[in-house]
N, C-alpha and C. Protein backbone atom coordinates (compact mmCIF):
# COMPACT_ATOMS: atom_id res chain seq x y z
N ASN A 1 -96.68 176.68 105.08
CA ASN A 1 -95.99 175.90 106.08
C ASN A 1 -94.56 175.61 105.65
N ARG A 2 -93.88 176.62 105.14
CA ARG A 2 -92.49 176.44 104.71
C ARG A 2 -91.65 177.55 105.32
N GLN A 3 -90.47 177.18 105.79
CA GLN A 3 -89.56 178.16 106.38
C GLN A 3 -88.36 178.36 105.47
N THR A 4 -87.90 179.60 105.40
CA THR A 4 -86.73 179.93 104.60
C THR A 4 -85.72 180.62 105.50
N ARG A 5 -84.47 180.20 105.40
CA ARG A 5 -83.41 180.81 106.19
C ARG A 5 -82.56 181.68 105.27
N VAL A 6 -82.37 182.94 105.63
CA VAL A 6 -81.56 183.87 104.86
C VAL A 6 -80.39 184.32 105.74
N SER A 7 -79.18 184.26 105.17
CA SER A 7 -78.02 184.71 105.93
C SER A 7 -77.04 185.40 104.99
N LEU A 8 -76.18 186.23 105.55
CA LEU A 8 -75.17 186.93 104.76
C LEU A 8 -74.00 186.00 104.48
N PHE A 9 -73.39 186.14 103.30
CA PHE A 9 -72.23 185.35 102.92
C PHE A 9 -70.98 186.18 103.19
N ASP A 10 -70.07 185.64 103.99
CA ASP A 10 -68.81 186.32 104.31
C ASP A 10 -67.67 185.58 103.63
N PRO A 11 -67.11 186.12 102.52
CA PRO A 11 -66.06 185.40 101.80
C PRO A 11 -64.74 185.31 102.57
N PHE A 12 -64.59 186.10 103.63
CA PHE A 12 -63.36 186.05 104.41
C PHE A 12 -63.45 185.06 105.58
N ASP A 13 -64.60 184.45 105.75
CA ASP A 13 -64.79 183.49 106.81
C ASP A 13 -64.07 182.20 106.44
N VAL A 14 -63.34 181.61 107.36
CA VAL A 14 -62.62 180.37 107.09
C VAL A 14 -63.59 179.21 107.10
N ASP A 15 -63.55 178.40 106.06
CA ASP A 15 -64.41 177.23 105.94
C ASP A 15 -63.69 176.03 106.56
N LEU A 16 -64.02 175.69 107.79
CA LEU A 16 -63.33 174.60 108.46
C LEU A 16 -63.63 173.25 107.82
N ASP A 17 -64.76 173.14 107.11
CA ASP A 17 -65.08 171.90 106.42
C ASP A 17 -64.12 171.65 105.26
N ALA A 18 -63.46 172.71 104.77
CA ALA A 18 -62.54 172.58 103.65
C ALA A 18 -61.17 172.06 104.09
N MET A 19 -60.92 172.06 105.38
CA MET A 19 -59.62 171.60 105.87
C MET A 19 -59.51 170.09 105.68
N ASP A 20 -58.35 169.63 105.22
CA ASP A 20 -58.14 168.19 105.09
C ASP A 20 -57.22 167.70 106.20
N ASP A 21 -56.98 166.41 106.23
CA ASP A 21 -56.20 165.81 107.31
C ASP A 21 -54.76 166.27 107.37
N ALA A 22 -54.21 166.68 106.23
CA ALA A 22 -52.80 167.08 106.19
C ALA A 22 -52.62 168.55 106.54
N GLY A 23 -53.68 169.23 106.93
CA GLY A 23 -53.56 170.64 107.28
C GLY A 23 -53.76 171.57 106.11
N GLY A 24 -54.02 171.03 104.94
CA GLY A 24 -54.27 171.85 103.76
C GLY A 24 -55.69 172.38 103.76
N ALA A 25 -56.00 173.21 102.78
CA ALA A 25 -57.35 173.76 102.67
C ALA A 25 -57.72 173.82 101.19
N ALA A 26 -58.97 173.51 100.91
CA ALA A 26 -59.47 173.60 99.55
C ALA A 26 -60.36 174.83 99.44
N ILE A 27 -60.11 175.65 98.44
CA ILE A 27 -60.98 176.79 98.16
C ILE A 27 -61.98 176.30 97.14
N LYS A 28 -63.27 176.28 97.54
CA LYS A 28 -64.31 175.66 96.74
C LYS A 28 -65.23 176.70 96.12
N SER A 29 -65.84 176.31 95.04
CA SER A 29 -66.82 177.15 94.36
C SER A 29 -68.10 177.21 95.19
N PRO A 30 -68.62 178.40 95.48
CA PRO A 30 -69.84 178.50 96.29
C PRO A 30 -71.10 178.15 95.50
N MET A 31 -71.01 178.10 94.17
CA MET A 31 -72.17 177.80 93.32
C MET A 31 -71.69 177.37 91.94
N HIS A 32 -72.61 176.88 91.12
CA HIS A 32 -72.28 176.52 89.74
C HIS A 32 -71.93 177.79 88.98
N GLY A 33 -70.92 177.72 88.13
CA GLY A 33 -70.55 178.89 87.35
C GLY A 33 -69.36 178.62 86.44
N LYS A 34 -68.89 179.69 85.82
CA LYS A 34 -67.77 179.62 84.88
C LYS A 34 -66.55 180.26 85.53
N LEU A 35 -65.43 179.59 85.48
CA LEU A 35 -64.18 180.12 86.02
C LEU A 35 -63.61 181.12 85.01
N VAL A 36 -63.62 182.41 85.36
CA VAL A 36 -63.19 183.44 84.40
C VAL A 36 -61.78 183.94 84.64
N ALA A 37 -61.20 183.70 85.82
CA ALA A 37 -59.83 184.16 86.07
C ALA A 37 -59.19 183.33 87.18
N LEU A 38 -57.90 183.05 87.02
CA LEU A 38 -57.08 182.42 88.05
C LEU A 38 -55.91 183.37 88.33
N MET A 39 -55.73 183.77 89.57
CA MET A 39 -54.68 184.71 89.91
C MET A 39 -53.44 184.05 90.50
N VAL A 40 -53.47 182.72 90.69
CA VAL A 40 -52.34 182.02 91.31
C VAL A 40 -51.96 180.80 90.50
N GLN A 41 -50.77 180.30 90.77
CA GLN A 41 -50.26 179.06 90.18
C GLN A 41 -49.74 178.19 91.31
N ALA A 42 -49.56 176.92 91.05
CA ALA A 42 -48.98 176.02 92.04
C ALA A 42 -47.62 176.55 92.47
N GLY A 43 -47.38 176.58 93.77
CA GLY A 43 -46.12 177.07 94.32
C GLY A 43 -46.17 178.51 94.79
N ASP A 44 -47.20 179.27 94.41
CA ASP A 44 -47.33 180.67 94.84
C ASP A 44 -47.68 180.75 96.32
N ALA A 45 -47.15 181.75 97.00
CA ALA A 45 -47.52 182.04 98.39
C ALA A 45 -48.73 182.97 98.38
N VAL A 46 -49.71 182.69 99.23
CA VAL A 46 -50.89 183.54 99.33
C VAL A 46 -51.11 183.94 100.79
N SER A 47 -51.80 185.04 100.99
CA SER A 47 -52.11 185.48 102.34
C SER A 47 -53.63 185.46 102.52
N LYS A 48 -54.06 185.41 103.75
CA LYS A 48 -55.48 185.34 104.07
C LYS A 48 -56.22 186.51 103.42
N GLY A 49 -57.32 186.21 102.73
CA GLY A 49 -58.12 187.24 102.08
C GLY A 49 -57.69 187.59 100.67
N GLN A 50 -56.57 187.03 100.21
CA GLN A 50 -56.08 187.32 98.86
C GLN A 50 -56.99 186.65 97.83
N LYS A 51 -57.32 187.38 96.77
CA LYS A 51 -58.15 186.83 95.70
C LYS A 51 -57.32 185.83 94.90
N VAL A 52 -57.85 184.60 94.74
CA VAL A 52 -57.13 183.57 94.01
C VAL A 52 -57.81 183.20 92.69
N ALA A 53 -59.12 183.45 92.59
CA ALA A 53 -59.86 183.12 91.38
C ALA A 53 -61.14 183.94 91.33
N VAL A 54 -61.71 184.03 90.12
CA VAL A 54 -62.99 184.72 89.93
C VAL A 54 -63.93 183.77 89.21
N LEU A 55 -65.13 183.65 89.76
CA LEU A 55 -66.17 182.78 89.22
C LEU A 55 -67.32 183.65 88.73
N GLU A 56 -67.84 183.37 87.55
CA GLU A 56 -69.00 184.10 87.04
C GLU A 56 -70.21 183.19 87.16
N ALA A 57 -71.21 183.68 87.89
CA ALA A 57 -72.45 182.93 88.07
C ALA A 57 -73.61 183.90 88.12
N MET A 58 -74.68 183.58 87.45
CA MET A 58 -75.89 184.41 87.42
C MET A 58 -75.56 185.84 86.98
N LYS A 59 -74.68 185.95 85.99
CA LYS A 59 -74.26 187.23 85.40
C LYS A 59 -73.57 188.16 86.42
N MET A 60 -72.98 187.57 87.45
CA MET A 60 -72.23 188.33 88.45
C MET A 60 -70.89 187.64 88.67
N GLU A 61 -69.88 188.41 89.03
CA GLU A 61 -68.57 187.84 89.32
C GLU A 61 -68.42 187.67 90.83
N HIS A 62 -67.90 186.52 91.23
CA HIS A 62 -67.70 186.19 92.63
C HIS A 62 -66.22 185.89 92.85
N ALA A 63 -65.59 186.62 93.76
CA ALA A 63 -64.17 186.39 94.05
C ALA A 63 -64.02 185.23 95.02
N LEU A 64 -63.10 184.34 94.72
CA LEU A 64 -62.74 183.26 95.64
C LEU A 64 -61.45 183.68 96.32
N VAL A 65 -61.44 183.69 97.65
CA VAL A 65 -60.30 184.20 98.40
C VAL A 65 -59.68 183.11 99.27
N ALA A 66 -58.42 183.31 99.61
CA ALA A 66 -57.70 182.36 100.46
C ALA A 66 -58.22 182.48 101.90
N PRO A 67 -58.56 181.35 102.53
CA PRO A 67 -59.07 181.39 103.90
C PRO A 67 -57.97 181.61 104.94
N ARG A 68 -56.71 181.42 104.52
CA ARG A 68 -55.56 181.60 105.44
C ARG A 68 -54.29 181.75 104.62
N ASP A 69 -53.21 182.07 105.29
CA ASP A 69 -51.91 182.13 104.63
C ASP A 69 -51.48 180.70 104.25
N GLY A 70 -50.73 180.59 103.17
CA GLY A 70 -50.23 179.28 102.78
C GLY A 70 -49.61 179.30 101.40
N LEU A 71 -49.28 178.12 100.93
CA LEU A 71 -48.73 177.94 99.58
C LEU A 71 -49.76 177.21 98.73
N VAL A 72 -49.85 177.58 97.47
CA VAL A 72 -50.77 176.92 96.56
C VAL A 72 -50.17 175.56 96.19
N ALA A 73 -50.86 174.49 96.57
CA ALA A 73 -50.39 173.15 96.27
C ALA A 73 -50.88 172.70 94.90
N GLU A 74 -52.10 173.12 94.53
CA GLU A 74 -52.70 172.64 93.29
C GLU A 74 -53.76 173.63 92.81
N VAL A 75 -53.82 173.83 91.51
CA VAL A 75 -54.88 174.62 90.89
C VAL A 75 -55.67 173.66 90.02
N ILE A 76 -56.96 173.53 90.31
CA ILE A 76 -57.81 172.58 89.60
C ILE A 76 -58.73 173.35 88.66
N GLY A 77 -58.74 172.99 87.42
CA GLY A 77 -59.60 173.66 86.45
C GLY A 77 -58.83 174.68 85.63
N ASP A 78 -59.45 175.08 84.54
CA ASP A 78 -58.86 176.04 83.63
C ASP A 78 -59.80 177.22 83.46
N VAL A 79 -59.26 178.36 83.07
CA VAL A 79 -60.08 179.53 82.78
C VAL A 79 -61.04 179.16 81.65
N GLY A 80 -62.30 179.50 81.84
CA GLY A 80 -63.33 179.19 80.86
C GLY A 80 -64.10 177.92 81.16
N ALA A 81 -63.61 177.12 82.10
CA ALA A 81 -64.27 175.86 82.44
C ALA A 81 -65.46 176.10 83.37
N GLN A 82 -66.46 175.24 83.24
CA GLN A 82 -67.60 175.27 84.15
C GLN A 82 -67.23 174.48 85.41
N VAL A 83 -67.63 174.99 86.57
CA VAL A 83 -67.40 174.29 87.83
C VAL A 83 -68.73 174.14 88.55
N GLY A 84 -68.87 173.08 89.29
CA GLY A 84 -70.08 172.82 90.05
C GLY A 84 -70.00 173.40 91.44
N GLU A 85 -71.13 173.46 92.09
CA GLU A 85 -71.19 173.94 93.47
C GLU A 85 -70.37 173.00 94.37
N GLY A 86 -69.48 173.57 95.16
CA GLY A 86 -68.65 172.80 96.06
C GLY A 86 -67.40 172.19 95.42
N ALA A 87 -67.18 172.47 94.13
CA ALA A 87 -66.00 171.92 93.44
C ALA A 87 -64.74 172.63 93.94
N ARG A 88 -63.68 171.85 94.14
CA ARG A 88 -62.40 172.45 94.56
C ARG A 88 -61.80 173.19 93.36
N VAL A 89 -61.34 174.41 93.61
CA VAL A 89 -60.71 175.22 92.56
C VAL A 89 -59.22 175.36 92.85
N VAL A 90 -58.87 175.66 94.10
CA VAL A 90 -57.47 175.82 94.50
C VAL A 90 -57.28 175.08 95.82
N VAL A 91 -56.15 174.38 95.93
CA VAL A 91 -55.82 173.67 97.17
C VAL A 91 -54.58 174.32 97.76
N LEU A 92 -54.67 174.68 99.05
CA LEU A 92 -53.53 175.27 99.77
C LEU A 92 -52.84 174.23 100.60
N ALA A 93 -51.54 174.34 100.70
CA ALA A 93 -50.73 173.49 101.57
C ALA A 93 -50.30 174.34 102.76
N GLU A 94 -49.85 173.69 103.78
CA GLU A 94 -49.32 174.40 104.95
C GLU A 94 -48.11 175.21 104.52
N GLY A 95 -48.02 176.46 104.94
CA GLY A 95 -46.87 177.25 104.52
C GLY A 95 -46.83 178.49 105.24
């Protein structure tokens, strides 16, 4: 008497829940893991779909991509750090 829902994960889909009141967007970790690479710094311009970070979880690498065009307002965390599910990794500003 248990139901399980299975769905495909689309990394290019815009997460509207990540949008904040100022029009910015937070790129969040989809699961617990280790941050193995950061491809951007604060002030960098990014385009929709651009890889901004790589997370290693369950012995697999997961690319974190920009949900829209913008400027990187903040990079949270360091390479090698553990991040939790839903943790903000990169914050985009309007740009």
